[in-house]
Amino acid sequence: MMNRLTRSAIGVAVFALAFVVNPLYFAGCVASDPEPNFGEPEMLALLDDANESSPYAFAVDDVHYELALSLSQSAQMARAIPKSELVQSAYACGNRAFYQSAAACVTVTELPVNGTFTLRRMDGSEWVEVATDIAVRGSIAVYGETLTSAFLTLHFRDNQDTIQLNASPSPFDLTNFNATNLGSESLAITYAAN
């Protein structure tokens, strides 16, 4: 029969052995992980591509729209995650992302951006502005160590509405536009690329 001290000693020994065998299980990423092969100049080039690819054309229920963006680098993070969205048991402060992993890390490079957009609708044979100079903020994100694709996510109207564009690696294409109560006509527009 084992006494309590012996069981505790065995438990500590098993824990120590597991930590020595696989320290990444407990510690996560290590300094030897590969560094991204791109930097701020390439991220700023993506921002230029997003502006130069504008306007973005799309159609919802046979109504044609044009979305014109004017973006610049932001000095602040794109969005602070409200405390209510974080896992309560984590007692987290600030921004965090939770990934399911097997001792693997995902490198995410973000460039915070802000700016404005203008939305126009085709009425007959001419474009009519539906919303002008709506403030947006968000970020361009690249997942991984190589610049193979980028994701631009913009929020407006207190994060109620979003615009998403993807690039592989460029130019950007509009993938989602979600707006409620937009402009003087209070339009609700939901677009998702096929």
C-alpha atoms as a PDB file:
ATOM      1  CA  MET A   1       0.000   0.000   0.000  1.00  0.00           C
ATOM      2  CA  MET A   2       1.440   3.379  -1.000  1.00  0.00           C
ATOM      3  CA  ASN A   3       1.342   6.206   1.395  1.00  0.00           C
ATOM      4  CA  ARG A   4       0.375   9.738   0.436  1.00  0.00           C
ATOM      5  CA  LEU A   5       4.001  10.978   0.230  1.00  0.00           C
ATOM      6  CA  THR A   6       4.968   8.216  -2.198  1.00  0.00           C
ATOM      7  CA  ARG A   7       1.985   8.967  -4.470  1.00  0.00           C
ATOM      8  CA  SER A   8       2.883  12.661  -4.474  1.00  0.00           C
ATOM      9  CA  ALA A   9       6.501  11.889  -5.322  1.00  0.00           C
ATOM     10  CA  ILE A  10       5.430   9.676  -8.235  1.00  0.00           C
ATOM     11  CA  GLY A  11       3.078  12.418  -9.499  1.00  0.00           C
ATOM     12  CA  VAL A  12       5.858  15.014  -9.418  1.00  0.00           C
ATOM     13  CA  ALA A  13       8.242  12.626 -11.179  1.00  0.00           C
ATOM     14  CA  VAL A  14       5.722  11.928 -13.979  1.00  0.00           C
ATOM     15  CA  PHE A  15       5.064  15.649 -14.422  1.00  0.00           C
ATOM     16  CA  ALA A  16       8.803  16.416 -14.567  1.00  0.00           C
ATOM     17  CA  LEU A  17       9.391  13.618 -17.084  1.00  0.00           C
ATOM     18  CA  ALA A  18       6.548  14.840 -19.295  1.00  0.00           C
ATOM     19  CA  PHE A  19       7.939  18.371 -19.179  1.00  0.00           C
ATOM     20  CA  VAL A  20      11.433  17.179 -20.140  1.00  0.00           C
ATOM     21  CA  VAL A  21      10.076  14.962 -22.938  1.00  0.00           C
ATOM     22  CA  ASN A  22       7.817  17.631 -24.437  1.00  0.00           C
ATOM     23  CA  PRO A  23       8.385  21.125 -23.010  1.00  0.00           C
ATOM     24  CA  LEU A  24       6.383  22.651 -25.898  1.00  0.00           C
ATOM     25  CA  TYR A  25       3.268  21.010 -24.465  1.00  0.00           C
ATOM     26  CA  PHE A  26       3.575  23.367 -21.495  1.00  0.00           C
ATOM     27  CA  ALA A  27       5.525  26.329 -22.838  1.00  0.00           C
ATOM     28  CA  GLY A  28       4.133  26.830 -26.355  1.00  0.00           C
ATOM     29  CA  CYS A  29       6.291  28.636 -28.919  1.00  0.00           C
ATOM     30  CA  VAL A  30      10.038  28.874 -28.540  1.00  0.00           C
ATOM     31  CA  ALA A  31      12.573  31.376 -29.832  1.00  0.00           C
ATOM     32  CA  SER A  32      13.755  28.926 -32.520  1.00  0.00           C
ATOM     33  CA  ASP A  33      10.456  29.226 -34.432  1.00  0.00           C
ATOM     34  CA  PRO A  34      10.967  30.620 -37.940  1.00  0.00           C
ATOM     35  CA  GLU A  35      10.662  34.360 -38.397  1.00  0.00           C
ATOM     36  CA  PRO A  36       8.417  35.841 -41.102  1.00  0.00           C
ATOM     37  CA  ASN A  37      10.208  36.497 -44.386  1.00  0.00           C
ATOM     38  CA  PHE A  38       8.412  39.834 -44.832  1.00  0.00           C
ATOM     39  CA  GLY A  39       8.115  43.020 -42.818  1.00  0.00           C
ATOM     40  CA  GLU A  40       6.439  46.400 -42.572  1.00  0.00           C
ATOM     41  CA  PRO A  41       7.364  47.503 -46.136  1.00  0.00           C
ATOM     42  CA  GLU A  42       5.504  44.499 -47.598  1.00  0.00           C
ATOM     43  CA  MET A  43       2.519  45.101 -45.297  1.00  0.00           C
ATOM     44  CA  LEU A  44       2.413  48.755 -46.384  1.00  0.00           C
ATOM     45  CA  ALA A  45       2.554  47.588 -50.020  1.00  0.00           C
ATOM     46  CA  LEU A  46      -0.562  45.491 -49.308  1.00  0.00           C
ATOM     47  CA  LEU A  47      -2.258  48.609 -47.944  1.00  0.00           C
ATOM     48  CA  ASP A  48      -1.346  50.444 -51.157  1.00  0.00           C
ATOM     49  CA  ASP A  49      -2.758  47.519 -53.178  1.00  0.00           C
ATOM     50  CA  ALA A  50      -6.045  47.718 -51.250  1.00  0.00           C
ATOM     51  CA  ASN A  51      -6.354  51.428 -52.046  1.00  0.00           C
ATOM     52  CA  GLU A  52      -5.276  51.041 -55.692  1.00  0.00           C
ATOM     53  CA  SER A  53      -7.678  48.116 -56.303  1.00  0.00           C
ATOM     54  CA  SER A  54     -10.563  50.327 -55.206  1.00  0.00           C
ATOM     55  CA  PRO A  55     -13.389  50.703 -56.189  1.00  0.00           C
ATOM     56  CA  TYR A  56     -14.675  47.173 -55.612  1.00  0.00           C
ATOM     57  CA  ALA A  57     -17.748  46.191 -57.625  1.00  0.00           C
ATOM     58  CA  PHE A  58     -20.414  43.794 -56.357  1.00  0.00           C
ATOM     59  CA  ALA A  59     -24.103  43.055 -56.853  1.00  0.00           C
ATOM     60  CA  VAL A  60     -26.891  42.096 -54.457  1.00  0.00           C
ATOM     61  CA  ASP A  61     -30.295  41.058 -55.881  1.00  0.00           C
ATOM     62  CA  ASP A  62     -29.363  42.454 -59.319  1.00  0.00           C
ATOM     63  CA  VAL A  63     -28.487  45.849 -57.822  1.00  0.00           C
ATOM     64  CA  HIS A  64     -24.915  46.888 -58.663  1.00  0.00           C
ATOM     65  CA  TYR A  65     -22.694  48.674 -56.144  1.00  0.00           C
ATOM     66  CA  GLU A  66     -19.211  50.166 -56.039  1.00  0.00           C
ATOM     67  CA  LEU A  67     -17.240  50.384 -52.808  1.00  0.00           C
ATOM     68  CA  ALA A  68     -14.422  52.947 -52.800  1.00  0.00           C
ATOM     69  CA  LEU A  69     -11.866  52.745 -49.971  1.00  0.00           C
ATOM     70  CA  SER A  70      -9.379  55.322 -48.743  1.00  0.00           C
ATOM     71  CA  LEU A  71      -7.157  53.707 -46.082  1.00  0.00           C
ATOM     72  CA  SER A  72      -3.979  54.559 -44.181  1.00  0.00           C
ATOM     73  CA  GLN A  73      -1.839  52.966 -41.482  1.00  0.00           C
ATOM     74  CA  SER A  74      -3.252  53.424 -37.995  1.00  0.00           C
ATOM     75  CA  ALA A  75      -1.257  54.115 -34.854  1.00  0.00           C
ATOM     76  CA  GLN A  76      -3.697  52.079 -32.748  1.00  0.00           C
ATOM     77  CA  MET A  77      -4.854  48.492 -32.745  1.00  0.00           C
ATOM     78  CA  ALA A  78      -7.831  47.732 -34.927  1.00  0.00           C
ATOM     79  CA  ARG A  79     -10.198  46.636 -32.164  1.00  0.00           C
ATOM     80  CA  ALA A  80     -10.038  46.052 -28.469  1.00  0.00           C
ATOM     81  CA  ILE A  81     -11.784  42.816 -27.568  1.00  0.00           C
ATOM     82  CA  PRO A  82     -14.440  43.467 -24.917  1.00  0.00           C
ATOM     83  CA  LYS A  83     -13.914  41.506 -21.707  1.00  0.00           C
ATOM     84  CA  SER A  84     -17.188  39.667 -22.232  1.00  0.00           C
ATOM     85  CA  GLU A  85     -15.805  38.006 -25.391  1.00  0.00           C
ATOM     86  CA  LEU A  86     -12.832  36.474 -23.568  1.00  0.00           C
ATOM     87  CA  VAL A  87     -12.938  33.165 -21.789  1.00  0.00           C
ATOM     88  CA  GLN A  88     -13.752  34.141 -18.215  1.00  0.00           C
ATOM     89  CA  SER A  89     -11.563  31.493 -16.604  1.00  0.00           C
ATOM     90  CA  ALA A  90      -8.495  32.867 -18.408  1.00  0.00           C
ATOM     91  CA  TYR A  91      -8.556  36.110 -16.396  1.00  0.00           C
ATOM     92  CA  ALA A  92      -7.080  37.809 -19.454  1.00  0.00           C
ATOM     93  CA  CYS A  93      -6.213  41.444 -19.929  1.00  0.00           C
ATOM     94  CA  GLY A  94      -5.880  42.948 -23.384  1.00  0.00           C
ATOM     95  CA  ASN A  95      -6.160  41.251 -26.760  1.00  0.00           C
ATOM     96  CA  ARG A  96      -5.783  37.492 -27.081  1.00  0.00           C
ATOM     97  CA  ALA A  97      -6.536  34.783 -29.601  1.00  0.00           C
ATOM     98  CA  PHE A  98      -7.121  31.160 -28.689  1.00  0.00           C
ATOM     99  CA  TYR A  99      -6.025  28.452 -31.112  1.00  0.00           C
ATOM    100  CA  GLN A 100      -6.335  24.723 -30.676  1.00  0.00           C
ATOM    101  CA  SER A 101      -2.858  23.384 -31.221  1.00  0.00           C
ATOM    102  CA  ALA A 102      -0.595  20.438 -30.611  1.00  0.00           C
ATOM    103  CA  ALA A 103       2.423  22.416 -29.441  1.00  0.00           C
ATOM    104  CA  ALA A 104       2.328  24.433 -32.661  1.00  0.00           C
ATOM    105  CA  CYS A 105       2.283  28.183 -33.107  1.00  0.00           C
ATOM    106  CA  VAL A 106       0.654  30.347 -35.718  1.00  0.00           C
ATOM    107  CA  THR A 107       2.443  33.595 -36.471  1.00  0.00           C
ATOM    108  CA  VAL A 108       0.028  36.443 -37.191  1.00  0.00           C
ATOM    109  CA  THR A 109       1.317  39.730 -38.587  1.00  0.00           C
ATOM    110  CA  GLU A 110      -1.140  42.638 -38.449  1.00  0.00           C
ATOM    111  CA  LEU A 111      -1.076  46.161 -39.800  1.00  0.00           C
ATOM    112  CA  PRO A 112      -3.735  48.356 -38.132  1.00  0.00           C
ATOM    113  CA  VAL A 113      -5.535  50.615 -40.622  1.00  0.00           C
ATOM    114  CA  ASN A 114      -8.215  53.279 -40.621  1.00  0.00           C
ATOM    115  CA  GLY A 115      -9.886  55.431 -43.226  1.00  0.00           C
ATOM    116  CA  THR A 116     -13.195  55.921 -45.001  1.00  0.00           C
ATOM    117  CA  PHE A 117     -15.392  54.307 -47.617  1.00  0.00           C
ATOM    118  CA  THR A 118     -17.959  55.566 -50.077  1.00  0.00           C
ATOM    119  CA  LEU A 119     -20.675  53.313 -51.463  1.00  0.00           C
ATOM    120  CA  ARG A 120     -22.354  54.007 -54.796  1.00  0.00           C
ATOM    121  CA  ARG A 121     -25.320  52.251 -56.428  1.00  0.00           C
ATOM    122  CA  MET A 122     -26.103  52.030 -60.141  1.00  0.00           C
ATOM    123  CA  ASP A 123     -29.481  53.681 -60.787  1.00  0.00           C
ATOM    124  CA  GLY A 124     -30.388  53.309 -64.447  1.00  0.00           C
ATOM    125  CA  SER A 125     -27.237  54.402 -66.233  1.00  0.00           C
ATOM    126  CA  GLU A 126     -25.591  56.516 -63.549  1.00  0.00           C
ATOM    127  CA  TRP A 127     -23.931  55.998 -60.164  1.00  0.00           C
ATOM    128  CA  VAL A 128     -25.653  57.470 -57.099  1.00  0.00           C
ATOM    129  CA  GLU A 129     -23.841  57.830 -53.777  1.00  0.00           C
ATOM    130  CA  VAL A 130     -25.573  55.861 -51.042  1.00  0.00           C
ATOM    131  CA  ALA A 131     -23.074  56.541 -48.234  1.00  0.00           C
ATOM    132  CA  THR A 132     -20.153  58.972 -48.275  1.00  0.00           C
ATOM    133  CA  ASP A 133     -16.961  59.053 -46.196  1.00  0.00           C
ATOM    134  CA  ILE A 134     -18.026  56.471 -43.597  1.00  0.00           C
ATOM    135  CA  ALA A 135     -15.214  56.010 -41.038  1.00  0.00           C
ATOM    136  CA  VAL A 136     -13.711  52.503 -40.833  1.00  0.00           C
ATOM    137  CA  ARG A 137     -10.979  50.860 -38.779  1.00  0.00           C
ATOM    138  CA  GLY A 138      -9.474  47.407 -38.907  1.00  0.00           C
ATOM    139  CA  SER A 139      -6.346  45.551 -39.914  1.00  0.00           C
ATOM    140  CA  ILE A 140      -4.548  43.663 -42.627  1.00  0.00           C
ATOM    141  CA  ALA A 141      -3.552  40.232 -41.285  1.00  0.00           C
ATOM    142  CA  VAL A 142      -1.123  37.654 -42.662  1.00  0.00           C
ATOM    143  CA  TYR A 143      -1.078  34.190 -41.085  1.00  0.00           C
ATOM    144  CA  GLY A 144       2.223  32.318 -41.169  1.00  0.00           C
ATOM    145  CA  GLU A 145       5.820  33.165 -41.982  1.00  0.00           C
ATOM    146  CA  THR A 146       5.385  33.724 -45.726  1.00  0.00           C
ATOM    147  CA  LEU A 147       3.288  36.311 -47.505  1.00  0.00           C
ATOM    148  CA  THR A 148       1.035  34.014 -49.530  1.00  0.00           C
ATOM    149  CA  SER A 149      -2.305  35.612 -48.681  1.00  0.00           C
ATOM    150  CA  ALA A 150      -3.633  38.538 -46.685  1.00  0.00           C
ATOM    151  CA  PHE A 151      -6.964  39.406 -45.104  1.00  0.00           C
ATOM    152  CA  LEU A 152      -8.279  42.949 -44.713  1.00  0.00           C
ATOM    153  CA  THR A 153     -11.100  43.321 -42.196  1.00  0.00           C
ATOM    154  CA  LEU A 154     -12.740  46.688 -41.603  1.00  0.00           C
ATOM    155  CA  HIS A 155     -15.345  47.618 -39.011  1.00  0.00           C
ATOM    156  CA  PHE A 156     -17.687  50.585 -38.957  1.00  0.00           C
ATOM    157  CA  ARG A 157     -20.643  51.832 -36.929  1.00  0.00           C
ATOM    158  CA  ASP A 158     -19.170  50.666 -33.596  1.00  0.00           C
ATOM    159  CA  ASN A 159     -18.206  47.224 -34.973  1.00  0.00           C
ATOM    160  CA  GLN A 160     -21.815  46.473 -35.968  1.00  0.00           C
ATOM    161  CA  ASP A 161     -20.971  46.289 -39.675  1.00  0.00           C
ATOM    162  CA  THR A 162     -17.988  44.817 -41.531  1.00  0.00           C
ATOM    163  CA  ILE A 163     -16.123  44.776 -44.822  1.00  0.00           C
ATOM    164  CA  GLN A 164     -13.745  41.890 -45.636  1.00  0.00           C
ATOM    165  CA  LEU A 165     -11.295  41.614 -48.505  1.00  0.00           C
ATOM    166  CA  ASN A 166      -8.801  38.855 -49.304  1.00  0.00           C
ATOM    167  CA  ALA A 167      -5.618  38.894 -51.360  1.00  0.00           C
ATOM    168  CA  SER A 168      -3.524  35.944 -52.529  1.00  0.00           C
ATOM    169  CA  PRO A 169      -1.169  37.896 -52.350  1.00  0.00           C
ATOM    170  CA  SER A 170      -2.659  40.704 -54.447  1.00  0.00           C
ATOM    171  CA  PRO A 171      -4.809  42.342 -55.671  1.00  0.00           C
ATOM    172  CA  PHE A 172      -7.501  42.406 -53.030  1.00  0.00           C
ATOM    173  CA  ASP A 173     -10.985  41.088 -53.796  1.00  0.00           C
ATOM    174  CA  LEU A 174     -14.125  41.955 -51.853  1.00  0.00           C
ATOM    175  CA  THR A 175     -15.362  38.824 -50.073  1.00  0.00           C
ATOM    176  CA  ASN A 176     -17.962  40.197 -47.613  1.00  0.00           C
ATOM    177  CA  PHE A 177     -19.884  43.407 -47.074  1.00  0.00           C
ATOM    178  CA  ASN A 178     -22.386  43.594 -44.242  1.00  0.00           C
ATOM    179  CA  ALA A 179     -24.171  46.852 -43.446  1.00  0.00           C
ATOM    180  CA  THR A 180     -27.347  47.753 -41.633  1.00  0.00           C
ATOM    181  CA  ASN A 181     -29.119  51.082 -41.622  1.00  0.00           C
ATOM    182  CA  LEU A 182     -26.653  52.577 -44.107  1.00  0.00           C
ATOM    183  CA  GLY A 183     -26.932  56.088 -45.507  1.00  0.00           C
ATOM    184  CA  SER A 184     -29.953  58.334 -45.788  1.00  0.00           C
ATOM    185  CA  GLU A 185     -32.011  55.424 -47.191  1.00  0.00           C
ATOM    186  CA  SER A 186     -31.239  53.196 -44.153  1.00  0.00           C
ATOM    187  CA  LEU A 187     -30.159  50.353 -46.439  1.00  0.00           C
ATOM    188  CA  ALA A 188     -29.396  46.860 -45.216  1.00  0.00           C
ATOM    189  CA  ILE A 189     -26.888  45.170 -47.532  1.00  0.00           C
ATOM    190  CA  THR A 190     -25.375  41.713 -47.102  1.00  0.00           C
ATOM    191  CA  TYR A 191     -22.928  40.485 -49.729  1.00  0.00           C
ATOM    192  CA  ALA A 192     -20.791  37.355 -49.665  1.00  0.00           C
ATOM    193  CA  ALA A 193     -18.624  36.329 -52.624  1.00  0.00           C
ATOM    194  CA  ASN A 194     -19.225  32.852 -54.006  1.00  0.00           C
END
